[in-house]
């Protein structure tokens, strides 16, 4: 393959890794945020945690691979973003650590105070991770201050602008809906019925904030640049989210989960389509933007990484597919079947 073809290929592969992470970890975060509110009793919270317990850490592997792949294939992108976004990425990591610790330690003691503390840590960590993830992607779509030396010149407050905050809120809302749809697929009995009811309410919330973000993006992004037709992906993203409401109201849980998942996928497709061939758009001067051409590693590095991806990527997909197949059964509040 030519050097240019490899650069484009790896942009697509990194996009696919982020899409996989947000689709899988999205419902994990959603379930985590709902935990102390949806679970009224300890036995119910244990059932909720058991719904994601066997797979949550495997879902986070996609984030590690996306970061590692960025470091290996687009080192300048990695250097600029992870150094410039150091504080906000640090908060993201804090949220992820809070979740991981809590999953492991909440059942080490039967004390209600002990378990309640870790349940709230799961919720806070999930919210923090979701909100920051949305804020980061919104800022990358809008552009951030980068100088001619490919250095980020803003700070943490620069990223906490209205568009970035709306992106964070939208991500939280969609992940909450994705999470409750997942619970309706995994839980049984009264918890399943309550999940179906809550999904209707969260769908309204998610739809409102998603439409607000879509309108903001169109006016400030596409329309401001003279683009009347934004393409099929963003329109389809809105449509599938609205159609998901029909399935939710009809208690077609599988289709509801699939369509909200499609919304997440199409949103990410829209994001990466908007910035291509850039990887970080400079709001200071578009000529100083990082692109797949000036931020990439050598042709040899991209070739070696391509061979590695060809070998290991199918293995990861097969393992994750096997994990979800093995833990496909619904979960009840029967103490004999609960682990966490």
Protein backbone atom coordinates (compact mmCIF):
# COMPACT_ATOMS: atom_id res chain seq x y z
CA UNK A 1 0.00 0.00 0.00
CA UNK A 2 1.08 3.58 -0.62
CA UNK A 3 1.97 5.87 2.26
CA UNK A 4 -1.20 7.94 1.74
CA UNK A 5 -3.36 4.81 1.68
CA UNK A 6 -1.87 3.66 4.99
CA UNK A 7 -2.52 7.05 6.58
CA UNK A 8 -6.15 6.97 5.50
CA UNK A 9 -6.49 3.33 6.58
CA UNK A 10 -5.26 4.09 10.08
CA UNK A 11 -7.51 7.10 10.42
CA UNK A 12 -10.42 4.76 9.64
CA UNK A 13 -9.15 2.07 12.02
CA UNK A 14 -8.74 4.52 14.91
CA UNK A 15 -12.24 5.83 14.17
CA UNK A 16 -13.51 2.24 14.32
CA UNK A 17 -11.81 1.72 17.70
CA UNK A 18 -13.46 4.84 19.13
CA UNK A 19 -16.80 3.76 17.72
CA UNK A 20 -16.42 0.33 19.31
CA UNK A 21 -15.45 1.88 22.64
CA UNK A 22 -18.39 4.29 22.75
CA UNK A 23 -20.90 1.66 21.66
CA UNK A 24 -19.75 -0.90 24.25
CA UNK A 25 -18.67 1.33 27.10
CA UNK A 26 -21.62 3.64 26.47
CA UNK A 27 -24.10 1.25 28.05
CA UNK A 28 -21.59 0.44 30.80
CA UNK A 29 -21.41 4.12 31.70
CA UNK A 30 -25.19 4.41 31.44
CA UNK A 31 -25.75 1.47 33.79
CA UNK A 32 -23.19 2.89 36.21
CA UNK A 33 -24.87 6.30 36.32
CA UNK A 34 -28.25 4.69 36.97
CA UNK A 35 -27.04 2.33 39.72
CA UNK A 36 -27.87 4.27 42.95
CA UNK A 37 -31.13 5.64 41.51
CA UNK A 38 -32.54 2.62 39.72
CA UNK A 39 -31.56 0.04 42.34
CA UNK A 40 -33.69 0.61 45.42
CA UNK A 41 -32.24 -2.25 47.49
CA UNK A 42 -28.83 -3.86 47.72
CA UNK A 43 -30.03 -7.04 46.02
CA UNK A 44 -31.28 -4.98 43.06
CA UNK A 45 -28.01 -3.07 42.81
CA UNK A 46 -26.11 -6.34 42.83
CA UNK A 47 -28.26 -7.58 39.94
CA UNK A 48 -27.61 -4.35 38.03
CA UNK A 49 -23.85 -4.64 38.54
CA UNK A 50 -23.96 -8.31 37.50
CA UNK A 51 -25.44 -7.19 34.17
CA UNK A 52 -22.14 -5.51 33.23
CA UNK A 53 -19.78 -7.19 35.71
CA UNK A 54 -18.34 -9.85 33.37
CA UNK A 55 -17.68 -7.50 30.46
CA UNK A 56 -17.08 -3.90 31.61
CA UNK A 57 -13.30 -4.21 31.82
CA UNK A 58 -13.15 -5.87 28.40
CA UNK A 59 -15.07 -2.93 26.96
CA UNK A 60 -12.47 -0.51 28.32
CA UNK A 61 -9.77 -2.36 26.37
CA UNK A 62 -11.03 -0.53 23.28
CA UNK A 63 -9.97 2.77 24.86
CA UNK A 64 -6.49 1.43 25.60
CA UNK A 65 -6.10 0.12 22.06
CA UNK A 66 -7.36 3.40 20.55
CA UNK A 67 -4.83 5.37 22.61
CA UNK A 68 -1.99 2.95 21.83
CA UNK A 69 -2.81 2.91 18.12
CA UNK A 70 -2.85 6.71 18.05
CA UNK A 71 0.58 6.81 19.73
CA UNK A 72 2.05 4.34 17.23
CA UNK A 73 0.48 5.63 14.01
CA UNK A 74 -0.09 9.36 14.61
CA UNK A 75 2.48 10.32 17.28
CA UNK A 76 2.10 14.07 16.76
CA UNK A 77 -1.66 13.80 17.25
CA UNK A 78 -1.06 11.82 20.45
CA UNK A 79 1.56 14.29 21.70
CA UNK A 80 -0.53 17.40 21.05
CA UNK A 81 -3.81 16.06 22.37
CA UNK A 82 -2.66 14.17 25.44
CA UNK A 83 -0.27 16.90 26.55
CA UNK A 84 -2.62 19.78 25.78
CA UNK A 85 -5.66 18.01 27.21
CA UNK A 86 -3.68 16.72 30.19
CA UNK A 87 -6.01 17.98 32.93
CA UNK A 88 -9.27 16.91 31.31
CA UNK A 89 -7.82 13.51 30.36
CA UNK A 90 -6.61 13.19 33.96
CA UNK A 91 -10.22 13.70 35.13
CA UNK A 92 -11.35 11.06 32.65
CA UNK A 93 -8.83 8.61 34.09
CA UNK A 94 -9.96 9.47 37.64
CA UNK A 95 -13.52 8.58 36.64
CA UNK A 96 -12.41 5.27 35.15
CA UNK A 97 -10.33 4.42 38.22
CA UNK A 98 -13.26 5.21 40.54
CA UNK A 99 -15.42 2.78 38.59
CA UNK A 100 -12.82 0.01 38.52
CA UNK A 101 -12.06 0.22 42.23
CA UNK A 102 -15.73 0.26 43.13
CA UNK A 103 -16.62 -2.81 41.07
CA UNK A 104 -13.89 -4.75 42.85
CA UNK A 105 -14.43 -3.54 46.41
CA UNK A 106 -18.17 -2.88 46.91
CA UNK A 107 -18.93 -6.45 48.02
CA UNK A 108 -15.87 -6.87 50.22
CA UNK A 109 -17.96 -5.71 53.17
CA UNK A 110 -21.67 -6.26 53.86
CA UNK A 111 -22.04 -2.88 55.56
CA UNK A 112 -24.77 -0.80 53.85
CA UNK A 113 -22.67 2.36 54.26
CA UNK A 114 -19.67 0.68 52.61
CA UNK A 115 -21.67 -0.58 49.64
CA UNK A 116 -23.59 2.67 49.24
CA UNK A 117 -20.33 4.61 49.09
CA UNK A 118 -18.98 2.47 46.26
CA UNK A 119 -22.32 2.52 44.43
CA UNK A 120 -22.13 6.32 44.35
CA UNK A 121 -18.49 6.13 43.26
CA UNK A 122 -19.57 3.98 40.31
CA UNK A 123 -22.25 6.52 39.43
CA UNK A 124 -19.98 9.55 39.78
CA UNK A 125 -17.13 7.87 37.91
CA UNK A 126 -19.47 6.86 35.09
CA UNK A 127 -20.94 10.37 34.84
CA UNK A 128 -17.52 12.02 34.91
CA UNK A 129 -16.15 9.71 32.22
CA UNK A 130 -19.20 10.16 29.97
CA UNK A 131 -19.35 13.93 30.35
CA UNK A 132 -15.64 14.44 29.73
CA UNK A 133 -15.64 12.11 26.74
CA UNK A 134 -18.45 14.11 25.13
CA UNK A 135 -16.75 17.41 25.96
CA UNK A 136 -13.49 16.31 24.37
CA UNK A 137 -15.10 15.11 21.14
CA UNK A 138 -17.24 18.25 20.86
CA UNK A 139 -14.15 20.43 21.16
CA UNK A 140 -12.25 18.37 18.61
CA UNK A 141 -15.14 18.81 16.18
CA UNK A 142 -15.30 22.58 16.71
CA UNK A 143 -11.54 23.12 16.76
CA UNK A 144 -9.12 24.05 19.53
CA UNK A 145 -6.31 26.63 19.74
CA UNK A 146 -3.16 25.15 18.19
CA UNK A 147 -0.13 27.20 17.14
CA UNK A 148 2.25 26.77 14.23
CA UNK A 149 4.40 24.41 16.32
CA UNK A 150 1.47 21.98 16.71
CA UNK A 151 1.12 22.91 20.36
CA UNK A 152 -2.22 23.32 22.15
CA UNK A 153 -2.30 26.87 23.56
CA UNK A 154 -5.52 26.72 25.58
CA UNK A 155 -6.24 25.38 29.06
CA UNK A 156 -8.92 23.37 30.86
CA UNK A 157 -11.38 26.28 30.87
CA UNK A 158 -10.94 26.66 27.11
CA UNK A 159 -12.54 23.23 26.68
CA UNK A 160 -15.43 24.04 29.05
CA UNK A 161 -17.16 26.26 26.49
CA UNK A 162 -20.93 26.10 25.76
CA UNK A 163 -20.55 23.76 22.79
CA UNK A 164 -18.21 21.46 24.70
CA UNK A 165 -20.53 21.36 27.72
CA UNK A 166 -23.53 20.61 25.49
CA UNK A 167 -21.52 17.79 23.90
CA UNK A 168 -20.82 16.39 27.36
CA UNK A 169 -24.47 16.63 28.43
CA UNK A 170 -25.62 14.96 25.20
CA UNK A 171 -23.20 12.09 25.67
CA UNK A 172 -24.45 11.57 29.23
CA UNK A 173 -28.08 11.57 28.04
CA UNK A 174 -27.52 9.10 25.19
CA UNK A 175 -25.40 6.81 27.37
CA UNK A 176 -28.11 6.80 30.03
CA UNK A 177 -30.64 5.71 27.41
CA UNK A 178 -28.22 3.12 26.03
CA UNK A 179 -27.65 1.82 29.55
CA UNK A 180 -31.31 1.47 30.49
CA UNK A 181 -32.00 -0.31 27.19
CA UNK A 182 -29.20 -2.73 28.03
CA UNK A 183 -30.72 -3.34 31.46
CA UNK A 184 -34.10 -4.11 29.86
CA UNK A 185 -32.31 -6.81 27.85
CA UNK A 186 -30.35 -8.25 30.78
CA UNK A 187 -32.67 -8.03 33.78
CA UNK A 188 -35.89 -9.88 34.50
CA UNK A 189 -38.97 -9.48 36.63
CA UNK A 190 -39.82 -6.14 38.24
CA UNK A 191 -36.44 -4.60 37.34
CA UNK A 192 -37.09 -5.29 33.67
CA UNK A 193 -40.49 -3.60 33.82
CA UNK A 194 -39.04 -0.58 35.59
CA UNK A 195 -36.29 -0.35 32.98
CA UNK A 196 -38.91 -0.24 30.23
CA UNK A 197 -40.73 2.62 31.97
CA UNK A 198 -37.53 4.58 32.64
CA UNK A 199 -36.40 4.13 29.02
CA UNK A 200 -39.42 6.14 27.83
CA UNK A 201 -38.49 9.05 30.07
CA UNK A 202 -34.80 8.97 29.21
CA UNK A 203 -35.60 8.79 25.48
CA UNK A 204 -37.37 12.15 25.71
CA UNK A 205 -34.41 13.71 27.55
CA UNK A 206 -31.84 12.23 25.15
CA UNK A 207 -33.81 13.29 22.07
CA UNK A 208 -34.16 16.90 23.24
CA UNK A 209 -30.49 17.46 24.06
CA UNK A 210 -29.33 15.50 20.98
CA UNK A 211 -31.48 17.67 18.70
CA UNK A 212 -30.11 20.78 20.44
CA UNK A 213 -26.54 19.62 19.79
CA UNK A 214 -27.43 18.73 16.18
CA UNK A 215 -28.89 22.16 15.50
CA UNK A 216 -25.93 23.88 17.18
CA UNK A 217 -23.50 21.77 15.13
CA UNK A 218 -25.31 22.47 11.87
CA UNK A 219 -25.50 26.24 12.40
CA UNK A 220 -22.00 26.74 13.83
CA UNK A 221 -20.35 24.01 11.77
CA UNK A 222 -21.88 23.10 8.44
CA UNK A 223 -24.00 26.20 7.71
CA UNK A 224 -21.26 28.59 8.85
CA UNK A 225 -18.96 26.97 6.29
CA UNK A 226 -21.56 27.24 3.54
CA UNK A 227 -22.44 23.55 3.62
CA UNK A 228 -26.20 23.15 3.16
CA UNK A 229 -26.27 19.33 2.97
CA UNK A 230 -24.32 17.82 5.88
CA UNK A 231 -24.55 14.31 4.40
CA UNK A 232 -26.50 11.21 5.29
CA UNK A 233 -24.73 10.22 8.54
CA UNK A 234 -25.91 13.09 10.82
CA UNK A 235 -29.44 12.97 9.41
CA UNK A 236 -29.56 9.19 9.88
CA UNK A 237 -28.24 9.60 13.45
CA UNK A 238 -31.21 11.81 14.33
CA UNK A 239 -33.70 9.54 12.55
CA UNK A 240 -32.57 6.32 14.28
CA UNK A 241 -32.74 8.01 17.70
CA UNK A 242 -36.30 9.15 17.03
CA UNK A 243 -37.30 5.71 15.67
CA UNK A 244 -35.82 4.13 18.82
CA UNK A 245 -38.64 5.82 20.71
CA UNK A 246 -41.20 3.76 18.78
CA UNK A 247 -39.48 0.53 19.80
CA UNK A 248 -39.14 1.70 23.40
CA UNK A 249 -42.85 2.50 23.63
CA UNK A 250 -43.70 -0.90 22.12
CA UNK A 251 -41.32 -2.67 24.54
CA UNK A 252 -39.28 -4.07 21.64
CA UNK A 253 -36.17 -4.08 23.78
CA UNK A 254 -33.72 -5.58 21.30
CA UNK A 255 -34.57 -3.14 18.52
CA UNK A 256 -34.52 -0.21 20.94
CA UNK A 257 -31.00 -1.15 22.03
CA UNK A 258 -29.83 -1.59 18.43
CA UNK A 259 -31.21 1.75 17.26
CA UNK A 260 -29.75 3.75 20.14
CA UNK A 261 -26.47 1.94 19.45
CA UNK A 262 -26.77 2.95 15.78
CA UNK A 263 -27.20 6.55 16.90
CA UNK A 264 -23.89 6.36 18.79
CA UNK A 265 -22.16 4.79 15.79
CA UNK A 266 -23.54 7.33 13.30
CA UNK A 267 -22.66 10.20 15.62
CA UNK A 268 -19.05 9.06 15.63
CA UNK A 269 -19.09 8.54 11.86
CA UNK A 270 -20.33 12.14 11.55
CA UNK A 271 -17.55 13.38 13.82
CA UNK A 272 -14.73 11.68 11.96
CA UNK A 273 -16.22 12.66 8.59
CA UNK A 274 -16.39 16.31 9.73
CA UNK A 275 -12.73 16.55 10.69
CA UNK A 276 -11.15 14.39 7.93
CA UNK A 277 -8.36 14.71 6.81
CA UNK A 278 -7.64 16.64 10.00
CA UNK A 279 -7.16 14.93 13.32
CA UNK A 280 -7.09 18.17 15.34
CA UNK A 281 -8.51 21.34 13.84
CA UNK A 282 -6.75 24.58 14.80
CA UNK A 283 -9.20 27.34 15.68
CA UNK A 284 -6.27 29.78 15.69
CA UNK A 285 -5.37 29.20 12.05
CA UNK A 286 -6.74 26.33 9.91
CA UNK A 287 -3.34 26.06 8.24
CA UNK A 288 -1.89 24.94 11.58
CA UNK A 289 -4.28 22.01 11.94
CA UNK A 290 -2.90 18.53 12.50
CA UNK A 291 -3.76 16.22 9.62
CA UNK A 292 -3.31 12.55 8.87
CA UNK A 293 -0.38 13.62 6.69
CA UNK A 294 1.65 15.88 9.00
CA UNK A 295 0.90 13.97 12.22
CA UNK A 296 1.53 10.38 11.09
CA UNK A 297 4.39 7.99 11.73
CA UNK A 298 6.65 6.68 8.97
CA UNK A 299 5.42 4.37 6.23
CA UNK A 300 7.37 1.50 7.79
CA UNK A 301 5.69 2.01 11.19
CA UNK A 302 2.25 2.11 9.60
CA UNK A 303 3.02 -1.06 7.64
CA UNK A 304 4.14 -2.95 10.77
CA UNK A 305 1.08 -1.75 12.67
CA UNK A 306 -1.16 -2.88 9.82
CA UNK A 307 0.24 -6.40 10.01
CA UNK A 308 -0.21 -6.46 13.79
CA UNK A 309 -3.80 -5.22 13.45
CA UNK A 310 -4.56 -7.89 10.86
CA UNK A 311 -3.46 -10.57 13.34
CA UNK A 312 -4.81 -9.29 16.67
CA UNK A 313 -7.92 -7.31 15.81
CA UNK A 314 -9.93 -10.42 14.79
CA UNK A 315 -8.77 -12.14 18.00
CA UNK A 316 -10.12 -9.26 20.12
CA UNK A 317 -13.43 -9.30 18.26
CA UNK A 318 -13.75 -13.07 18.64
CA UNK A 319 -12.97 -12.95 22.36
CA UNK A 320 -15.47 -10.17 23.05
CA UNK A 321 -18.13 -11.94 21.01
CA UNK A 322 -17.52 -15.13 22.98
CA UNK A 323 -17.74 -13.23 26.29
CA UNK A 324 -21.11 -11.75 25.48
CA UNK A 325 -22.36 -15.10 24.24
CA UNK A 326 -21.33 -16.83 27.47
CA UNK A 327 -23.03 -14.21 29.66
CA UNK A 328 -26.13 -13.77 27.51
CA UNK A 329 -28.73 -14.98 30.04
CA UNK A 330 -31.02 -12.63 31.91
CA UNK A 331 -30.25 -11.81 35.53
CA UNK A 332 -32.67 -12.03 38.44
CA UNK A 333 -32.49 -10.92 42.06
CA UNK A 334 -31.94 -14.51 43.19
CA UNK A 335 -29.01 -14.33 45.66
CA UNK A 336 -27.72 -17.74 44.57
CA UNK A 337 -26.94 -16.43 41.06
CA UNK A 338 -25.37 -13.08 41.99
CA UNK A 339 -21.64 -12.53 42.26
CA UNK A 340 -20.91 -8.85 42.93
